[in-house]
Amino acid sequence: MHQPPRQPDAPLIDRVLVWKIVFVSTLMASGTFGLFFYELSLETNLDVSRTVAVNAIVFFEVFYLLNTRSLNDSILNRRGLLGNSIALWGITAVVVLQALFTYWPVMHIFFHTAPLDGGMWARILAVSISLLLLVEAEKAMVRKVAWGVKRNERLARDSLITDIAPLSERGTRKELERGEGRT
């Protein structure tokens, strides 16, 4: 709620959001298919590979939920990771439901899934956490570029103002920035 409302004529999904959607979707799809085919290459049966893929998608979503607490700022701090108790309760519920999906024999019949071992869970979590880290790295790069652009705009504006006339003839710098300078 720190941002002003968007303009009524502005698109709901701008170029930045399209980039984020494509970036995250590509990471999730690559990770899911990568794990699925990796499990098949280990000659595990199709049900196990399918279960790994479904759990990978769910845990990608869990870690991306944490990432979306802020679209621009890092969440790699206590407030970012633990600051929303409702999200944490939701994550807890999802983990419990995924455990039922993975280990309850009735689910194996309905969904053709199979139980997973510790190594499979380690791979799922490692690949899923990589989404969180890669999105955080992308946010850091965007912040750095945005900071550089704002700095360059400020420097250009300041040099333009000082090139026009001496500061004492135009009012104080604060007056000029507010548009109250003398002309």
Protein backbone atom coordinates (compact mmCIF):
# COMPACT_ATOMS: atom_id res chain seq x y z
CA MET A 1 0.00 0.00 0.00
CA HIS A 2 3.02 2.27 -0.32
CA GLN A 3 2.39 2.90 -4.02
CA PRO A 4 -0.14 5.34 -5.40
CA PRO A 5 -3.06 3.79 -7.29
CA ARG A 6 -2.44 3.06 -10.94
CA GLN A 7 -3.83 5.40 -13.56
CA PRO A 8 -7.31 4.35 -14.76
CA ASP A 9 -6.10 4.11 -18.36
CA ALA A 10 -2.96 2.10 -17.44
CA PRO A 11 -2.97 -1.60 -18.37
CA LEU A 12 -3.54 -4.12 -15.57
CA ILE A 13 -0.52 -6.11 -16.70
CA ASP A 14 2.37 -3.90 -17.78
CA ARG A 15 5.64 -4.92 -19.46
CA VAL A 16 7.41 -5.42 -16.13
CA LEU A 17 4.71 -7.80 -14.92
CA VAL A 18 4.72 -9.68 -18.24
CA TRP A 19 8.50 -10.12 -17.84
CA LYS A 20 8.02 -11.47 -14.29
CA ILE A 21 5.31 -13.89 -15.43
CA VAL A 22 7.46 -15.22 -18.28
CA PHE A 23 10.59 -15.41 -16.09
CA VAL A 24 8.93 -17.28 -13.20
CA SER A 25 6.89 -19.54 -15.48
CA THR A 26 10.00 -20.53 -17.39
CA LEU A 27 11.85 -21.33 -14.16
CA MET A 28 8.95 -23.38 -12.80
CA ALA A 29 8.40 -25.31 -16.02
CA SER A 30 12.12 -25.98 -16.48
CA GLY A 31 12.52 -27.15 -12.91
CA THR A 32 9.42 -29.36 -13.00
CA PHE A 33 10.27 -31.03 -16.31
CA GLY A 34 13.91 -31.29 -15.29
CA LEU A 35 13.03 -33.17 -12.11
CA PHE A 36 10.48 -35.35 -13.91
CA PHE A 37 12.92 -36.43 -16.60
CA TYR A 38 15.76 -36.79 -14.09
CA GLU A 39 13.67 -39.24 -12.06
CA LEU A 40 12.80 -41.15 -15.24
CA SER A 41 16.51 -41.30 -16.13
CA LEU A 42 17.13 -42.98 -12.77
CA GLU A 43 14.69 -45.64 -13.94
CA THR A 44 12.09 -44.83 -11.31
CA ASN A 45 8.59 -45.71 -12.38
CA LEU A 46 6.24 -43.22 -13.96
CA ASP A 47 4.08 -42.84 -10.83
CA VAL A 48 7.08 -41.77 -8.75
CA SER A 49 8.27 -39.34 -11.42
CA ARG A 50 4.76 -37.90 -11.68
CA THR A 51 4.59 -37.46 -7.90
CA VAL A 52 7.96 -35.66 -7.93
CA ALA A 53 6.70 -33.31 -10.65
CA VAL A 54 3.45 -32.48 -8.82
CA ASN A 55 5.28 -31.83 -5.56
CA ALA A 56 7.82 -29.67 -7.39
CA ILE A 57 5.03 -27.49 -8.80
CA VAL A 58 3.46 -27.13 -5.35
CA PHE A 59 6.75 -26.21 -3.67
CA PHE A 60 7.63 -23.77 -6.46
CA GLU A 61 4.33 -22.08 -5.66
CA VAL A 62 5.09 -22.09 -1.92
CA PHE A 63 8.44 -20.37 -2.43
CA TYR A 64 7.02 -17.95 -5.00
CA LEU A 65 4.27 -17.04 -2.52
CA LEU A 66 7.03 -15.89 -0.20
CA ASN A 67 8.67 -13.96 -3.06
CA THR A 68 5.49 -12.09 -3.94
CA ARG A 69 5.31 -10.45 -0.53
CA SER A 70 7.18 -7.70 -2.37
CA LEU A 71 7.53 -7.44 -6.13
CA ASN A 72 10.56 -5.15 -5.84
CA ASP A 73 12.15 -5.43 -2.40
CA SER A 74 14.03 -8.41 -1.01
CA ILE A 75 12.15 -10.82 1.25
CA LEU A 76 15.36 -12.41 2.54
CA ASN A 77 14.88 -11.09 6.05
CA ARG A 78 12.81 -12.01 9.09
CA ARG A 79 9.89 -9.75 8.17
CA GLY A 80 9.89 -10.89 4.55
CA LEU A 81 9.88 -14.59 5.35
CA LEU A 82 7.86 -14.66 8.58
CA GLY A 83 5.89 -11.41 8.49
CA ASN A 84 2.60 -12.77 7.17
CA SER A 85 1.09 -15.31 9.55
CA ILE A 86 -1.84 -16.04 7.22
CA ALA A 87 0.57 -17.05 4.45
CA LEU A 88 2.51 -19.22 6.90
CA TRP A 89 -0.70 -20.99 7.99
CA GLY A 90 -1.57 -21.48 4.32
CA ILE A 91 1.87 -22.94 3.62
CA THR A 92 1.48 -25.27 6.60
CA ALA A 93 -1.89 -26.46 5.26
CA VAL A 94 -0.41 -27.02 1.79
CA VAL A 95 2.49 -29.07 3.21
CA VAL A 96 0.07 -31.27 5.19
CA LEU A 97 -2.17 -31.76 2.15
CA GLN A 98 0.83 -32.59 -0.03
CA ALA A 99 1.96 -35.18 2.50
CA LEU A 100 -1.51 -36.76 2.31
CA PHE A 101 -1.39 -36.62 -1.50
CA THR A 102 2.03 -38.26 -1.52
CA TYR A 103 1.69 -40.90 1.19
CA TRP A 104 -2.00 -41.78 1.62
CA PRO A 105 -2.65 -44.99 -0.37
CA VAL A 106 -6.12 -43.83 -1.46
CA MET A 107 -4.47 -40.95 -3.35
CA HIS A 108 -2.17 -43.41 -5.11
CA ILE A 109 -5.23 -45.16 -6.54
CA PHE A 110 -6.98 -41.96 -7.68
CA PHE A 111 -3.97 -40.01 -8.95
CA HIS A 112 -1.46 -42.74 -9.85
CA THR A 113 1.10 -41.34 -7.45
CA ALA A 114 3.66 -43.05 -5.23
CA PRO A 115 5.54 -42.32 -1.99
CA LEU A 116 8.82 -40.40 -2.26
CA ASP A 117 12.10 -41.03 -0.46
CA GLY A 118 14.33 -38.46 1.26
CA GLY A 119 16.60 -37.97 -1.76
CA MET A 120 13.66 -37.09 -3.96
CA TRP A 121 12.41 -34.57 -1.38
CA ALA A 122 15.90 -33.05 -1.17
CA ARG A 123 15.96 -32.56 -4.96
CA ILE A 124 12.44 -31.09 -4.96
CA LEU A 125 13.30 -28.61 -2.21
CA ALA A 126 16.67 -27.67 -3.71
CA VAL A 127 15.18 -26.92 -7.12
CA SER A 128 12.17 -25.13 -5.59
CA ILE A 129 14.33 -22.94 -3.35
CA SER A 130 16.38 -22.01 -6.41
CA LEU A 131 13.28 -20.20 -7.72
CA LEU A 132 13.19 -18.04 -4.60
CA LEU A 133 16.90 -17.23 -4.93
CA LEU A 134 16.76 -16.53 -8.68
CA VAL A 135 13.74 -14.23 -8.29
CA GLU A 136 15.53 -12.43 -5.45
CA ALA A 137 18.59 -11.99 -7.71
CA GLU A 138 16.34 -10.63 -10.48
CA LYS A 139 14.78 -8.15 -8.03
CA ALA A 140 18.24 -7.01 -6.91
CA MET A 141 19.33 -6.42 -10.51
CA VAL A 142 16.16 -4.46 -11.28
CA ARG A 143 16.64 -2.34 -8.15
CA LYS A 144 20.25 -1.64 -9.13
CA VAL A 145 19.28 -0.61 -12.66
CA ALA A 146 16.37 1.51 -11.39
CA TRP A 147 18.62 3.20 -8.83
CA GLY A 148 21.14 3.99 -11.58
CA VAL A 149 18.44 5.43 -13.84
CA LYS A 150 17.01 7.60 -11.04
CA ARG A 151 20.52 8.78 -10.13
CA ASN A 152 21.26 9.67 -13.77
CA GLU A 153 17.94 11.52 -14.10
CA ARG A 154 18.68 13.46 -10.90
CA LEU A 155 22.19 14.34 -12.12
CA ALA A 156 20.87 15.44 -15.51
CA ARG A 157 18.14 17.57 -13.89
CA ASP A 158 20.63 19.16 -11.48
CA SER A 159 23.10 19.95 -14.24
CA LEU A 160 20.33 21.44 -16.39
CA ILE A 161 19.15 23.63 -13.53
CA THR A 162 22.64 24.90 -12.72
CA ASP A 163 23.40 25.52 -16.39
CA ILE A 164 20.42 27.86 -16.86
CA ALA A 165 21.26 30.51 -14.27
CA PRO A 166 23.10 30.90 -10.99
CA LEU A 167 21.18 29.39 -8.10
CA SER A 168 20.90 32.69 -6.21
CA GLU A 169 18.99 34.25 -9.13
CA ARG A 170 16.42 31.44 -9.29
CA GLY A 171 15.63 30.69 -5.64
CA THR A 172 16.75 27.82 -3.47
CA ARG A 173 17.23 24.34 -4.86
CA LYS A 174 14.27 23.09 -2.78
CA GLU A 175 12.07 25.83 -4.23
CA LEU A 176 13.12 24.83 -7.73
CA GLU A 177 12.44 21.15 -7.08
CA ARG A 178 8.94 22.03 -5.86
CA GLY A 179 8.41 24.29 -8.89
CA GLU A 180 8.39 27.48 -6.77
CA GLY A 181 11.55 29.09 -8.07
CA ARG A 182 11.76 32.65 -9.40
CA THR A 183 11.68 33.06 -13.17
